[in-house]
N, C-alpha and C. Protein backbone atom coordinates (compact mmCIF):
# COMPACT_ATOMS: atom_id res chain seq x y z
N MET A 1 -3.09 29.18 -11.81
CA MET A 1 -1.88 28.56 -11.31
C MET A 1 -1.98 27.05 -11.49
N ALA A 2 -0.96 26.45 -12.00
CA ALA A 2 -0.94 25.00 -12.21
C ALA A 2 -0.67 24.27 -10.91
N ASN A 3 -1.03 22.98 -10.89
CA ASN A 3 -0.65 22.15 -9.76
C ASN A 3 0.88 22.09 -9.70
N ALA A 4 1.42 22.02 -8.50
CA ALA A 4 2.87 22.02 -8.33
C ALA A 4 3.32 20.68 -7.78
N TYR A 5 4.00 19.91 -8.64
CA TYR A 5 4.63 18.65 -8.20
C TYR A 5 5.98 19.02 -7.64
N LYS A 6 6.26 18.63 -6.39
CA LYS A 6 7.49 19.17 -5.80
C LYS A 6 7.93 18.42 -4.54
N VAL A 7 9.10 18.78 -4.09
CA VAL A 7 9.55 18.34 -2.77
C VAL A 7 8.79 19.25 -1.79
N LEU A 8 7.94 18.62 -0.99
CA LEU A 8 7.12 19.39 -0.06
C LEU A 8 7.89 19.78 1.19
N GLY A 9 8.86 18.96 1.57
CA GLY A 9 9.66 19.29 2.74
C GLY A 9 10.79 18.30 2.94
N GLN A 10 11.85 18.77 3.60
CA GLN A 10 12.99 17.92 3.93
C GLN A 10 13.60 18.42 5.24
N THR A 11 14.09 17.46 6.03
CA THR A 11 14.84 17.83 7.23
C THR A 11 15.84 16.73 7.54
N GLY A 12 16.97 17.12 8.06
CA GLY A 12 17.99 16.16 8.51
C GLY A 12 18.18 16.23 10.00
N ASP A 13 17.30 17.01 10.66
CA ASP A 13 17.46 17.21 12.10
C ASP A 13 16.11 17.19 12.80
N ALA A 14 15.60 16.00 13.04
CA ALA A 14 14.34 15.85 13.78
C ALA A 14 14.61 15.07 15.06
N PHE A 15 15.82 15.21 15.59
CA PHE A 15 16.28 14.48 16.76
C PHE A 15 15.57 14.96 18.01
N THR A 16 14.80 14.10 18.61
CA THR A 16 14.05 14.27 19.86
C THR A 16 12.99 15.38 19.84
N THR A 17 13.14 16.39 19.00
CA THR A 17 12.16 17.47 18.92
C THR A 17 11.36 17.30 17.64
N ALA A 18 10.06 17.29 17.76
CA ALA A 18 9.20 17.16 16.59
C ALA A 18 9.41 18.32 15.63
N VAL A 19 9.48 17.99 14.34
CA VAL A 19 9.67 18.99 13.28
C VAL A 19 8.44 18.94 12.37
N ASP A 20 7.83 20.09 12.17
CA ASP A 20 6.73 20.19 11.19
C ASP A 20 7.38 20.29 9.80
N ILE A 21 7.46 19.15 9.13
CA ILE A 21 8.20 19.09 7.87
C ILE A 21 7.38 19.70 6.72
N TYR A 22 6.05 19.66 6.83
CA TYR A 22 5.20 20.26 5.79
C TYR A 22 3.88 20.69 6.38
N THR A 23 3.47 21.90 6.01
CA THR A 23 2.14 22.42 6.35
C THR A 23 1.47 22.86 5.07
N ALA A 24 0.29 22.34 4.80
CA ALA A 24 -0.48 22.78 3.66
C ALA A 24 -0.98 24.18 3.97
N SER A 25 -0.50 25.16 3.23
CA SER A 25 -0.82 26.56 3.52
C SER A 25 -1.46 27.21 2.31
N GLY A 26 -2.77 27.40 2.36
CA GLY A 26 -3.49 28.03 1.25
C GLY A 26 -3.71 27.08 0.10
N VAL A 27 -3.40 25.82 0.27
CA VAL A 27 -3.58 24.81 -0.78
C VAL A 27 -4.05 23.50 -0.14
N GLU A 28 -4.50 22.61 -0.98
CA GLU A 28 -4.66 21.22 -0.57
C GLU A 28 -3.49 20.47 -1.19
N ALA A 29 -3.12 19.32 -0.64
CA ALA A 29 -1.96 18.60 -1.14
C ALA A 29 -2.20 17.10 -1.09
N ILE A 30 -1.48 16.40 -1.97
CA ILE A 30 -1.43 14.96 -1.94
C ILE A 30 0.04 14.57 -1.78
N VAL A 31 0.32 13.89 -0.68
CA VAL A 31 1.68 13.42 -0.42
C VAL A 31 1.81 12.05 -1.07
N SER A 32 2.65 11.97 -2.08
CA SER A 32 2.83 10.69 -2.76
C SER A 32 3.81 9.79 -2.04
N THR A 33 4.88 10.38 -1.51
CA THR A 33 5.96 9.56 -0.95
C THR A 33 6.63 10.27 0.23
N VAL A 34 6.96 9.48 1.26
CA VAL A 34 7.81 9.95 2.35
C VAL A 34 8.99 9.01 2.40
N VAL A 35 10.20 9.58 2.35
CA VAL A 35 11.43 8.77 2.43
C VAL A 35 12.12 9.10 3.74
N VAL A 36 12.46 8.04 4.50
CA VAL A 36 13.20 8.18 5.75
C VAL A 36 14.55 7.52 5.52
N CYS A 37 15.63 8.24 5.80
CA CYS A 37 16.99 7.73 5.55
C CYS A 37 17.80 7.76 6.85
N ASN A 38 18.32 6.60 7.22
CA ASN A 38 19.20 6.49 8.40
C ASN A 38 20.64 6.60 7.90
N ARG A 39 21.33 7.70 8.24
CA ARG A 39 22.70 7.94 7.81
C ARG A 39 23.72 7.38 8.78
N SER A 40 23.27 6.62 9.77
CA SER A 40 24.13 6.14 10.85
C SER A 40 24.47 4.66 10.67
N ALA A 41 25.51 4.23 11.35
CA ALA A 41 25.91 2.81 11.36
C ALA A 41 25.15 2.01 12.41
N ALA A 42 24.16 2.62 13.05
CA ALA A 42 23.35 1.93 14.05
C ALA A 42 21.86 2.11 13.71
N ALA A 43 21.04 1.16 14.09
CA ALA A 43 19.60 1.26 13.86
C ALA A 43 19.01 2.44 14.66
N LYS A 44 17.97 3.04 14.13
CA LYS A 44 17.29 4.17 14.75
C LYS A 44 15.79 3.93 14.70
N THR A 45 15.02 4.78 15.36
CA THR A 45 13.55 4.74 15.25
C THR A 45 13.05 6.12 14.86
N PHE A 46 11.84 6.14 14.30
CA PHE A 46 11.25 7.42 13.89
C PHE A 46 9.74 7.39 14.05
N ASP A 47 9.16 8.59 14.08
CA ASP A 47 7.71 8.78 14.13
C ASP A 47 7.31 9.72 13.01
N ILE A 48 6.12 9.48 12.45
CA ILE A 48 5.52 10.40 11.48
C ILE A 48 4.04 10.54 11.87
N SER A 49 3.57 11.78 11.95
CA SER A 49 2.16 12.00 12.24
C SER A 49 1.58 13.00 11.24
N VAL A 50 0.28 12.85 11.02
CA VAL A 50 -0.48 13.78 10.18
C VAL A 50 -1.51 14.43 11.07
N ARG A 51 -1.37 15.76 11.26
CA ARG A 51 -2.23 16.49 12.20
C ARG A 51 -3.23 17.38 11.46
N PRO A 52 -4.51 16.97 11.42
CA PRO A 52 -5.53 17.77 10.74
C PRO A 52 -5.63 19.17 11.36
N ALA A 53 -5.65 20.16 10.50
CA ALA A 53 -5.79 21.56 10.93
C ALA A 53 -4.80 21.95 12.02
N GLY A 54 -3.61 21.34 12.00
CA GLY A 54 -2.56 21.68 12.96
C GLY A 54 -2.90 21.29 14.39
N ALA A 55 -3.77 20.30 14.56
CA ALA A 55 -4.16 19.85 15.90
C ALA A 55 -2.94 19.43 16.72
N THR A 56 -3.06 19.47 18.02
CA THR A 56 -2.01 18.99 18.90
C THR A 56 -1.82 17.49 18.64
N GLU A 57 -0.56 17.08 18.53
CA GLU A 57 -0.27 15.68 18.22
C GLU A 57 -0.91 14.73 19.23
N ALA A 58 -1.60 13.71 18.72
CA ALA A 58 -2.29 12.73 19.56
C ALA A 58 -2.12 11.34 18.92
N ASN A 59 -2.44 10.31 19.67
CA ASN A 59 -2.26 8.93 19.21
C ASN A 59 -2.85 8.66 17.83
N GLU A 60 -4.04 9.22 17.56
CA GLU A 60 -4.71 8.92 16.29
C GLU A 60 -4.04 9.55 15.08
N HIS A 61 -3.06 10.43 15.27
CA HIS A 61 -2.40 11.10 14.16
C HIS A 61 -1.19 10.33 13.59
N TYR A 62 -0.71 9.35 14.30
CA TYR A 62 0.52 8.66 13.87
C TYR A 62 0.26 7.72 12.70
N ILE A 63 1.10 7.82 11.67
CA ILE A 63 1.12 6.82 10.61
C ILE A 63 2.34 5.92 10.77
N ALA A 64 3.28 6.33 11.60
CA ALA A 64 4.43 5.52 12.00
C ALA A 64 4.83 5.98 13.39
N LYS A 65 5.02 5.03 14.31
CA LYS A 65 5.37 5.37 15.69
C LYS A 65 6.39 4.36 16.20
N GLY A 66 7.59 4.84 16.52
CA GLY A 66 8.64 3.97 17.01
C GLY A 66 9.09 2.95 15.97
N THR A 67 8.96 3.32 14.71
CA THR A 67 9.33 2.42 13.61
C THR A 67 10.86 2.36 13.50
N THR A 68 11.38 1.13 13.46
CA THR A 68 12.82 0.92 13.38
C THR A 68 13.30 1.01 11.92
N ILE A 69 14.41 1.71 11.74
CA ILE A 69 15.08 1.76 10.44
C ILE A 69 16.49 1.27 10.64
N ALA A 70 16.88 0.31 9.84
CA ALA A 70 18.19 -0.33 9.97
C ALA A 70 19.33 0.66 9.69
N ALA A 71 20.51 0.30 10.12
CA ALA A 71 21.69 1.13 9.89
C ALA A 71 21.92 1.35 8.38
N ASN A 72 22.27 2.56 8.02
CA ASN A 72 22.59 2.92 6.62
C ASN A 72 21.53 2.43 5.65
N ASP A 73 20.28 2.65 6.00
CA ASP A 73 19.17 2.16 5.17
C ASP A 73 18.16 3.29 4.95
N SER A 74 17.26 3.06 4.01
CA SER A 74 16.15 3.98 3.75
C SER A 74 14.85 3.22 3.72
N ILE A 75 13.77 3.89 4.12
CA ILE A 75 12.43 3.35 4.01
C ILE A 75 11.62 4.33 3.20
N THR A 76 10.93 3.80 2.17
CA THR A 76 10.08 4.63 1.33
C THR A 76 8.62 4.26 1.60
N LEU A 77 7.85 5.25 2.01
CA LEU A 77 6.41 5.06 2.26
C LEU A 77 5.65 5.70 1.11
N THR A 78 4.94 4.90 0.35
CA THR A 78 4.11 5.42 -0.73
C THR A 78 2.68 5.34 -0.23
N ALA A 79 2.11 6.51 0.06
CA ALA A 79 0.87 6.49 0.82
C ALA A 79 -0.31 7.21 0.18
N GLY A 80 -0.10 8.23 -0.62
CA GLY A 80 -1.21 8.98 -1.16
C GLY A 80 -2.00 9.71 -0.07
N ILE A 81 -1.30 10.34 0.85
CA ILE A 81 -1.93 11.06 1.97
C ILE A 81 -2.52 12.36 1.44
N THR A 82 -3.80 12.59 1.73
CA THR A 82 -4.44 13.83 1.31
C THR A 82 -4.45 14.82 2.47
N LEU A 83 -4.12 16.05 2.15
CA LEU A 83 -4.05 17.10 3.18
C LEU A 83 -4.92 18.28 2.78
N ALA A 84 -5.73 18.75 3.71
CA ALA A 84 -6.49 19.97 3.52
C ALA A 84 -5.64 21.16 3.96
N ASP A 85 -6.10 22.35 3.62
CA ASP A 85 -5.42 23.58 4.06
C ASP A 85 -5.22 23.54 5.57
N THR A 86 -4.04 23.80 6.04
CA THR A 86 -3.56 23.86 7.43
C THR A 86 -3.24 22.50 8.05
N ASP A 87 -3.39 21.39 7.31
CA ASP A 87 -2.95 20.10 7.84
C ASP A 87 -1.43 20.07 7.87
N VAL A 88 -0.87 19.31 8.84
CA VAL A 88 0.58 19.32 9.08
C VAL A 88 1.12 17.90 9.16
N ILE A 89 2.29 17.70 8.54
CA ILE A 89 3.03 16.44 8.72
C ILE A 89 4.20 16.75 9.66
N THR A 90 4.29 15.94 10.73
CA THR A 90 5.32 16.14 11.74
C THR A 90 6.16 14.88 11.84
N VAL A 91 7.49 15.06 11.98
CA VAL A 91 8.42 13.93 12.06
C VAL A 91 9.32 14.07 13.27
N THR A 92 9.77 12.92 13.80
CA THR A 92 10.71 12.89 14.91
C THR A 92 11.59 11.66 14.76
N ALA A 93 12.85 11.75 15.16
CA ALA A 93 13.75 10.60 15.16
C ALA A 93 14.33 10.40 16.55
N SER A 94 14.71 9.15 16.84
CA SER A 94 15.21 8.82 18.17
C SER A 94 16.56 9.48 18.46
N THR A 95 17.38 9.63 17.45
CA THR A 95 18.67 10.29 17.59
C THR A 95 19.00 11.00 16.30
N ALA A 96 20.18 11.58 16.24
CA ALA A 96 20.60 12.31 15.03
C ALA A 96 20.82 11.32 13.89
N ASP A 97 21.10 11.84 12.73
CA ASP A 97 21.44 11.06 11.53
C ASP A 97 20.26 10.42 10.84
N VAL A 98 19.05 10.93 11.03
CA VAL A 98 17.90 10.44 10.30
C VAL A 98 17.32 11.61 9.50
N SER A 99 17.21 11.40 8.19
CA SER A 99 16.66 12.43 7.30
C SER A 99 15.27 12.05 6.83
N PHE A 100 14.44 13.06 6.58
CA PHE A 100 13.10 12.86 6.07
C PHE A 100 12.91 13.71 4.83
N SER A 101 12.29 13.15 3.80
CA SER A 101 11.92 13.88 2.58
C SER A 101 10.47 13.56 2.25
N VAL A 102 9.69 14.60 1.95
CA VAL A 102 8.27 14.45 1.62
C VAL A 102 8.06 14.98 0.21
N PHE A 103 7.45 14.15 -0.66
CA PHE A 103 7.22 14.52 -2.05
C PHE A 103 5.73 14.45 -2.36
N GLY A 104 5.26 15.35 -3.24
CA GLY A 104 3.85 15.31 -3.58
C GLY A 104 3.44 16.43 -4.52
N ILE A 105 2.17 16.77 -4.44
CA ILE A 105 1.58 17.78 -5.31
C ILE A 105 0.72 18.73 -4.48
N GLU A 106 0.86 20.02 -4.77
CA GLU A 106 -0.02 21.01 -4.17
C GLU A 106 -1.09 21.36 -5.20
N ILE A 107 -2.34 21.36 -4.77
CA ILE A 107 -3.48 21.58 -5.66
C ILE A 107 -4.03 22.98 -5.41
N SER A 108 -3.99 23.80 -6.44
CA SER A 108 -4.46 25.18 -6.31
C SER A 108 -5.98 25.25 -6.36
N GLU A 109 -6.52 26.36 -5.85
CA GLU A 109 -7.97 26.58 -5.87
C GLU A 109 -8.50 26.59 -7.31
N GLU A 110 -7.74 27.21 -8.20
CA GLU A 110 -8.13 27.28 -9.61
C GLU A 110 -8.28 25.90 -10.23
N ASN A 111 -7.35 24.99 -9.95
CA ASN A 111 -7.42 23.66 -10.52
C ASN A 111 -8.51 22.81 -9.88
N LYS A 112 -8.86 23.07 -8.62
CA LYS A 112 -10.00 22.37 -8.02
C LYS A 112 -11.27 22.70 -8.78
N CYS A 113 -11.43 23.97 -9.18
CA CYS A 113 -12.62 24.38 -9.94
C CYS A 113 -12.64 23.69 -11.29
N LEU A 114 -11.49 23.59 -11.96
CA LEU A 114 -11.42 22.90 -13.25
C LEU A 114 -11.77 21.44 -13.11
N LEU A 115 -11.33 20.79 -12.04
CA LEU A 115 -11.64 19.37 -11.82
C LEU A 115 -13.13 19.19 -11.64
N VAL A 116 -13.76 20.06 -10.89
CA VAL A 116 -15.22 19.97 -10.66
C VAL A 116 -15.95 20.19 -11.97
N GLN A 117 -15.54 21.19 -12.77
CA GLN A 117 -16.18 21.43 -14.05
C GLN A 117 -16.01 20.25 -14.99
N SER A 118 -14.83 19.63 -15.03
CA SER A 118 -14.58 18.45 -15.87
C SER A 118 -15.46 17.29 -15.44
N ALA A 119 -15.58 17.06 -14.16
CA ALA A 119 -16.41 15.96 -13.65
C ALA A 119 -17.86 16.21 -14.00
N SER A 120 -18.31 17.45 -13.92
CA SER A 120 -19.68 17.80 -14.25
C SER A 120 -19.95 17.58 -15.73
N LEU A 121 -19.00 17.93 -16.58
CA LEU A 121 -19.12 17.73 -18.02
C LEU A 121 -19.21 16.25 -18.35
N VAL A 122 -18.40 15.42 -17.72
CA VAL A 122 -18.42 13.97 -17.97
C VAL A 122 -19.79 13.41 -17.57
N LEU A 123 -20.30 13.82 -16.43
CA LEU A 123 -21.62 13.35 -15.97
C LEU A 123 -22.71 13.76 -16.96
N THR A 124 -22.63 14.99 -17.47
CA THR A 124 -23.62 15.49 -18.44
C THR A 124 -23.54 14.68 -19.72
N VAL A 125 -22.36 14.44 -20.25
CA VAL A 125 -22.17 13.67 -21.48
C VAL A 125 -22.70 12.25 -21.29
N ASN A 126 -22.39 11.62 -20.17
CA ASN A 126 -22.86 10.27 -19.91
C ASN A 126 -24.38 10.20 -19.82
N LYS A 127 -24.99 11.23 -19.26
CA LYS A 127 -26.45 11.28 -19.13
C LYS A 127 -27.08 11.39 -20.51
N ILE A 128 -26.49 12.21 -21.40
CA ILE A 128 -26.99 12.37 -22.77
C ILE A 128 -26.87 11.05 -23.52
N ASN A 129 -25.79 10.32 -23.33
CA ASN A 129 -25.55 9.07 -24.04
C ASN A 129 -26.49 7.96 -23.58
N LEU A 130 -27.13 8.10 -22.46
CA LEU A 130 -28.06 7.07 -21.99
C LEU A 130 -29.25 7.05 -22.86
């Protein structure tokens, strides 16, 4: 199975209740970008947390907490967040009209083996060239 570059999750309704927008399930993942969009004519706030192995949300999990987003604006976070199997990204907004989109790549078990074999081959070739 090839790596899957994709929209990992989207929600337009994370008002007051935390939404698990993406859970790495049976894969590892790299989140390249999170986009937060305020569709309202008033400023809003939002939270984003990354919970290892689905842990209960705690202070150390927040990558954004009470972050203000201006009216009719978007914020793009380019982070390169790495997720192991069962890690969760959770989002919340202060009121309605805030959308979240998460983009990235899911890495299959098969491709992890190929990456390790490729790295091993490079190390072997470099050792021979010494």
